[in-house]
C-alpha atoms as a PDB file:
ATOM      1  CA  MET A   1      -7.456  26.716  12.475  1.00  0.00           C
ATOM      2  CA  PRO A   2      -6.399  23.940  10.144  1.00  0.00           C
ATOM      3  CA  SER A   3      -6.131  20.344  11.473  1.00  0.00           C
ATOM      4  CA  ILE A   4      -2.770  18.542  12.003  1.00  0.00           C
ATOM      5  CA  VAL A   5      -3.596  16.259   8.986  1.00  0.00           C
ATOM      6  CA  GLN A   6      -4.103  19.322   6.849  1.00  0.00           C
ATOM      7  CA  GLU A   7      -0.656  20.804   8.375  1.00  0.00           C
ATOM      8  CA  LEU A   8       1.181  17.531   7.861  1.00  0.00           C
ATOM      9  CA  SER A   9      -0.129  16.987   4.107  1.00  0.00           C
ATOM     10  CA  GLY A  10       0.606  20.404   3.150  1.00  0.00           C
ATOM     11  CA  HIS A  11      -2.922  20.785   2.304  1.00  0.00           C
ATOM     12  CA  ARG A  12      -2.754  18.366  -0.794  1.00  0.00           C
ATOM     13  CA  ASP A  13      -5.437  16.153  -1.974  1.00  0.00           C
ATOM     14  CA  LEU A  14      -5.297  12.312  -0.925  1.00  0.00           C
ATOM     15  CA  GLY A  15      -3.729  10.016  -3.190  1.00  0.00           C
ATOM     16  CA  GLY A  16      -4.298   6.902  -1.511  1.00  0.00           C
ATOM     17  CA  LEU A  17      -5.708   5.365   1.295  1.00  0.00           C
ATOM     18  CA  ARG A  18      -3.903   2.109   2.576  1.00  0.00           C
ATOM     19  CA  MET A  19      -4.933  -0.196   5.755  1.00  0.00           C
ATOM     20  CA  VAL A  20      -1.126  -1.654   6.424  1.00  0.00           C
ATOM     21  CA  VAL A  21      -2.043  -3.221   9.959  1.00  0.00           C
ATOM     22  CA  VAL A  22      -5.094  -5.963   9.718  1.00  0.00           C
ATOM     23  CA  GLU A  23      -7.113  -7.001  12.679  1.00  0.00           C
ATOM     24  CA  CYS A  24      -5.868  -4.741  15.536  1.00  0.00           C
ATOM     25  CA  PRO A  25      -8.467  -3.827  17.401  1.00  0.00           C
ATOM     26  CA  PHE A  26      -6.940  -0.811  18.781  1.00  0.00           C
ATOM     27  CA  THR A  27      -7.678   2.780  17.644  1.00  0.00           C
ATOM     28  CA  ALA A  28      -4.685   4.984  16.843  1.00  0.00           C
ATOM     29  CA  THR A  29      -3.020   6.895  19.627  1.00  0.00           C
ATOM     30  CA  VAL A  30       0.255   8.176  17.740  1.00  0.00           C
ATOM     31  CA  LEU A  31      -0.093   9.886  14.123  1.00  0.00           C
ATOM     32  CA  ARG A  32       3.300   9.108  12.178  1.00  0.00           C
ATOM     33  CA  GLU A  33       4.331  11.650   9.843  1.00  0.00           C
ATOM     34  CA  GLY A  34       6.665   9.987   7.113  1.00  0.00           C
ATOM     35  CA  PRO A  35       9.292  11.557   4.986  1.00  0.00           C
ATOM     36  CA  ALA A  36       8.956  15.022   3.232  1.00  0.00           C
ATOM     37  CA  GLN A  37       7.138  14.973  -0.067  1.00  0.00           C
ATOM     38  CA  ASP A  38       9.300  14.627  -3.024  1.00  0.00           C
ATOM     39  CA  SER A  39       7.669  18.089  -4.570  1.00  0.00           C
ATOM     40  CA  GLY A  40       6.006  20.571  -2.519  1.00  0.00           C
ATOM     41  CA  PRO A  41       5.142  20.711   1.034  1.00  0.00           C
ATOM     42  CA  GLY A  42       3.855  18.201   3.652  1.00  0.00           C
ATOM     43  CA  ALA A  43       4.600  14.739   4.238  1.00  0.00           C
ATOM     44  CA  ALA A  44       4.512  11.839   1.916  1.00  0.00           C
ATOM     45  CA  TRP A  45       2.322   9.787   4.077  1.00  0.00           C
ATOM     46  CA  LEU A  46       0.435   9.683   7.447  1.00  0.00           C
ATOM     47  CA  ALA A  47       0.088   6.718   9.659  1.00  0.00           C
ATOM     48  CA  TYR A  48      -2.133   6.120  12.345  1.00  0.00           C
ATOM     49  CA  LEU A  49      -0.966   3.622  14.773  1.00  0.00           C
ATOM     50  CA  CYS A  50      -1.706   2.149  18.424  1.00  0.00           C
ATOM     51  CA  PRO A  51       0.956   1.900  20.989  1.00  0.00           C
ATOM     52  CA  ALA A  52       2.202  -1.638  19.715  1.00  0.00           C
ATOM     53  CA  HIS A  53       2.334  -0.664  16.037  1.00  0.00           C
ATOM     54  CA  THR A  54       4.345   2.281  16.583  1.00  0.00           C
ATOM     55  CA  VAL A  55       7.646   0.180  16.608  1.00  0.00           C
ATOM     56  CA  ASP A  56       7.064  -2.992  15.006  1.00  0.00           C
ATOM     57  CA  LEU A  57       5.806  -1.231  11.387  1.00  0.00           C
ATOM     58  CA  ASP A  58       8.574  -2.263   8.944  1.00  0.00           C
ATOM     59  CA  GLY A  59       8.915  -0.194   5.946  1.00  0.00           C
ATOM     60  CA  TRP A  60       6.906   2.934   7.187  1.00  0.00           C
ATOM     61  CA  PRO A  61       9.509   4.831   9.107  1.00  0.00           C
ATOM     62  CA  GLY A  62       9.079   8.210   9.707  1.00  0.00           C
ATOM     63  CA  PRO A  63      10.664  11.323  11.100  1.00  0.00           C
ATOM     64  CA  ALA A  64       7.949  12.742  13.663  1.00  0.00           C
ATOM     65  CA  GLU A  65       5.182  11.271  15.656  1.00  0.00           C
ATOM     66  CA  HIS A  66       2.260  13.206  16.870  1.00  0.00           C
ATOM     67  CA  PRO A  67      -0.597  12.008  19.368  1.00  0.00           C
ATOM     68  CA  ASP A  68      -3.549  11.207  18.296  1.00  0.00           C
ATOM     69  CA  THR A  69      -6.675  11.042  20.180  1.00  0.00           C
ATOM     70  CA  GLY A  70      -8.037   7.573  18.577  1.00  0.00           C
ATOM     71  CA  THR A  71      -9.623   9.345  15.210  1.00  0.00           C
ATOM     72  CA  MET A  72      -8.566   6.477  12.975  1.00  0.00           C
ATOM     73  CA  PRO A  73      -8.150   2.625  13.304  1.00  0.00           C
ATOM     74  CA  CYS A  74      -4.303   1.742  13.656  1.00  0.00           C
ATOM     75  CA  GLY A  75      -2.784   1.066  10.397  1.00  0.00           C
ATOM     76  CA  THR A  76      -4.710   3.710   8.476  1.00  0.00           C
ATOM     77  CA  VAL A  77      -2.343   5.490   5.956  1.00  0.00           C
ATOM     78  CA  LEU A  78      -3.283   8.358   4.002  1.00  0.00           C
ATOM     79  CA  ASP A  79      -0.927   8.759   1.191  1.00  0.00           C
ATOM     80  CA  TYR A  80      -0.468  11.853  -0.541  1.00  0.00           C
ATOM     81  CA  ARG A  81       2.334  10.355  -3.274  1.00  0.00           C
ATOM     82  CA  SER A  82       1.832   9.981  -7.041  1.00  0.00           C
ATOM     83  CA  GLY A  83       0.643   6.887  -8.336  1.00  0.00           C
ATOM     84  CA  GLU A  84       4.287   5.688  -9.260  1.00  0.00           C
ATOM     85  CA  GLN A  85       5.797   6.471  -5.623  1.00  0.00           C
ATOM     86  CA  GLN A  86       3.011   4.231  -4.384  1.00  0.00           C
ATOM     87  CA  LEU A  87       2.881   1.521  -6.986  1.00  0.00           C
ATOM     88  CA  GLN A  88       7.010   1.399  -5.601  1.00  0.00           C
ATOM     89  CA  SER A  89       6.171   1.324  -2.291  1.00  0.00           C
ATOM     90  CA  HIS A  90       3.841  -1.711  -2.836  1.00  0.00           C
ATOM     91  CA  ALA A  91       6.499  -3.442  -4.666  1.00  0.00           C
ATOM     92  CA  ASP A  92       8.814  -2.816  -2.100  1.00  0.00           C
ATOM     93  CA  LEU A  93       6.864  -4.000   0.380  1.00  0.00           C
ATOM     94  CA  TRP A  94       4.988  -6.692  -0.600  1.00  0.00           C
ATOM     95  CA  LEU A  95       4.344  -7.310  -4.230  1.00  0.00           C
ATOM     96  CA  THR A  96       7.873  -8.216  -4.885  1.00  0.00           C
ATOM     97  CA  PRO A  97       8.214 -10.425  -2.053  1.00  0.00           C
ATOM     98  CA  LEU A  98       5.481 -12.111  -2.834  1.00  0.00           C
ATOM     99  CA  THR A  99       5.999 -12.677  -6.705  1.00  0.00           C
ATOM    100  CA  GLY A 100       9.511 -12.458  -7.121  1.00  0.00           C
ATOM    101  CA  VAL A 101       8.783  -9.676  -9.737  1.00  0.00           C
ATOM    102  CA  ASP A 102      11.158  -6.446  -9.646  1.00  0.00           C
ATOM    103  CA  PRO A 103      10.116  -3.679 -11.194  1.00  0.00           C
ATOM    104  CA  ALA A 104      13.525  -2.388 -11.595  1.00  0.00           C
ATOM    105  CA  ALA A 105      13.607  -5.240 -14.293  1.00  0.00           C
ATOM    106  CA  TYR A 106      10.640  -4.014 -16.195  1.00  0.00           C
ATOM    107  CA  GLY A 107      12.139  -0.179 -16.734  1.00  0.00           C
ATOM    108  CA  GLY A 108       9.139   1.567 -14.964  1.00  0.00           C
ATOM    109  CA  ALA A 109       6.652  -0.237 -16.997  1.00  0.00           C
ATOM    110  CA  TRP A 110       4.150  -0.876 -14.219  1.00  0.00           C
ATOM    111  CA  ALA A 111       1.693  -2.387 -16.835  1.00  0.00           C
ATOM    112  CA  ASP A 112       4.491  -4.947 -17.644  1.00  0.00           C
ATOM    113  CA  VAL A 113       5.169  -5.700 -13.977  1.00  0.00           C
ATOM    114  CA  LEU A 114       1.851  -5.713 -12.817  1.00  0.00           C
ATOM    115  CA  ASP A 115       0.981  -8.227 -15.720  1.00  0.00           C
ATOM    116  CA  GLN A 116       3.760 -10.546 -14.940  1.00  0.00           C
ATOM    117  CA  ALA A 117       2.901 -10.522 -10.973  1.00  0.00           C
ATOM    118  CA  ASP A 118      -0.453 -11.588 -12.072  1.00  0.00           C
ATOM    119  CA  ARG A 119       0.667 -14.298 -14.343  1.00  0.00           C
ATOM    120  CA  VAL A 120       2.762 -15.745 -11.146  1.00  0.00           C
ATOM    121  CA  LEU A 121      -0.399 -15.232  -8.933  1.00  0.00           C
ATOM    122  CA  LEU A 122      -2.334 -17.325 -11.522  1.00  0.00           C
ATOM    123  CA  ALA A 123       0.106 -19.845 -11.846  1.00  0.00           C
ATOM    124  CA  ARG A 124       0.076 -20.275  -7.769  1.00  0.00           C
ATOM    125  CA  VAL A 125      -3.628 -20.522  -7.815  1.00  0.00           C
ATOM    126  CA  GLY A 126      -3.280 -22.721 -10.816  1.00  0.00           C
ATOM    127  CA  GLU A 127      -1.011 -25.086  -8.810  1.00  0.00           C
ATOM    128  CA  SER A 128      -3.005 -24.980  -5.108  1.00  0.00           C
ATOM    129  CA  ALA A 129      -6.462 -25.900  -7.615  1.00  0.00           C
ATOM    130  CA  ALA A 130      -4.598 -28.779  -9.046  1.00  0.00           C
ATOM    131  CA  ALA A 131      -3.510 -29.825  -5.691  1.00  0.00           C
ATOM    132  CA  GLY A 132      -7.099 -29.597  -4.512  1.00  0.00           C
ATOM    133  CA  GLU A 133      -6.558 -26.986  -2.288  1.00  0.00           C
ATOM    134  CA  ASP A 134      -8.002 -23.302  -1.963  1.00  0.00           C
ATOM    135  CA  SER A 135      -5.242 -20.527  -2.325  1.00  0.00           C
ATOM    136  CA  PRO A 136      -5.498 -17.373   0.100  1.00  0.00           C
ATOM    137  CA  LEU A 137      -4.090 -15.573  -3.654  1.00  0.00           C
ATOM    138  CA  GLN A 138      -7.289 -16.408  -5.221  1.00  0.00           C
ATOM    139  CA  ASN A 139      -8.688 -13.281  -3.428  1.00  0.00           C
ATOM    140  CA  MET A 140      -6.069 -11.055  -5.383  1.00  0.00           C
ATOM    141  CA  LEU A 141      -6.719 -12.023  -9.210  1.00  0.00           C
ATOM    142  CA  ALA A 142      -9.433  -9.542  -9.997  1.00  0.00           C
ATOM    143  CA  LEU A 143      -7.726  -6.757  -8.194  1.00  0.00           C
ATOM    144  CA  MET A 144      -4.369  -7.725  -9.819  1.00  0.00           C
ATOM    145  CA  ASP A 145      -6.540  -7.123 -13.247  1.00  0.00           C
ATOM    146  CA  VAL A 146      -7.948  -4.307 -12.527  1.00  0.00           C
ATOM    147  CA  ALA A 147      -4.639  -2.681 -11.284  1.00  0.00           C
ATOM    148  CA  GLN A 148      -2.794  -4.242 -14.614  1.00  0.00           C
ATOM    149  CA  ARG A 149      -5.459  -2.910 -16.796  1.00  0.00           C
ATOM    150  CA  ALA A 150      -5.731   0.582 -15.011  1.00  0.00           C
ATOM    151  CA  ALA A 151      -1.728   0.658 -15.480  1.00  0.00           C
ATOM    152  CA  ALA A 152      -1.987  -0.002 -19.173  1.00  0.00           C
ATOM    153  CA  ARG A 153      -4.203   2.727 -19.560  1.00  0.00           C
ATOM    154  CA  GLY A 154      -1.844   5.018 -17.309  1.00  0.00           C
ATOM    155  CA  ASN A 155      -3.872   5.626 -14.417  1.00  0.00           C
ATOM    156  CA  LEU A 156      -1.036   4.741 -11.869  1.00  0.00           C
ATOM    157  CA  ARG A 157      -3.687   5.998  -9.224  1.00  0.00           C
ATOM    158  CA  VAL A 158      -6.027   3.354  -9.745  1.00  0.00           C
ATOM    159  CA  ALA A 159      -3.377   0.781  -9.966  1.00  0.00           C
ATOM    160  CA  ALA A 160      -2.299   1.957  -7.074  1.00  0.00           C
ATOM    161  CA  THR A 161      -5.755   1.732  -5.332  1.00  0.00           C
ATOM    162  CA  SER A 162      -6.030  -1.927  -6.509  1.00  0.00           C
ATOM    163  CA  LEU A 163      -2.616  -2.748  -4.826  1.00  0.00           C
ATOM    164  CA  ALA A 164      -3.950  -1.340  -1.226  1.00  0.00           C
ATOM    165  CA  TYR A 165      -6.728  -4.136  -1.562  1.00  0.00           C
ATOM    166  CA  CYS A 166      -4.091  -6.971  -2.474  1.00  0.00           C
ATOM    167  CA  GLU A 167      -2.249  -5.326   0.333  1.00  0.00           C
ATOM    168  CA  THR A 168      -4.465  -6.296   2.648  1.00  0.00           C
ATOM    169  CA  PHE A 169      -5.103  -9.297   1.510  1.00  0.00           C
ATOM    170  CA  ALA A 170      -0.998 -10.388   1.404  1.00  0.00           C
ATOM    171  CA  GLN A 171      -0.916  -9.403   4.989  1.00  0.00           C
ATOM    172  CA  GLY A 172      -2.557 -12.420   5.811  1.00  0.00           C
ATOM    173  CA  LEU A 173      -0.545 -14.642   4.156  1.00  0.00           C
END
């Protein structure tokens, strides 16, 4: 008998893993099913949430929720979307608000989007250093560089994986 995750994912391979809630000590009690996948069966993503985060997780609305028995930490998201869709999700949720870089201005050229976002972060880190301060953005620089180089090679899934780590840092800002 297939598990609920297998059924909801349409038996597709996992495209990405994200932690969209940090420092929550609780395990999940709910599995939120994301919207339907654009092509093929299954949900675009599945999010494991505790009772407190089932109501306040902006940007992750889902059409259905299913009970969970604490199989994952709160905030774990299994992402089945394409690399392009994952990158757009990162842009919508934190990258554009943090850097001001809008992917629409680059016509889908993710390497250029990530290059500009990296430049913005590098400039902000430099400003903090000049003021004698440490910047939490410094934690993102190496990962943004990996994301940009992966996107330049056309590997958007690796770029999205790097941005998933950056997303975790961004949540602490």
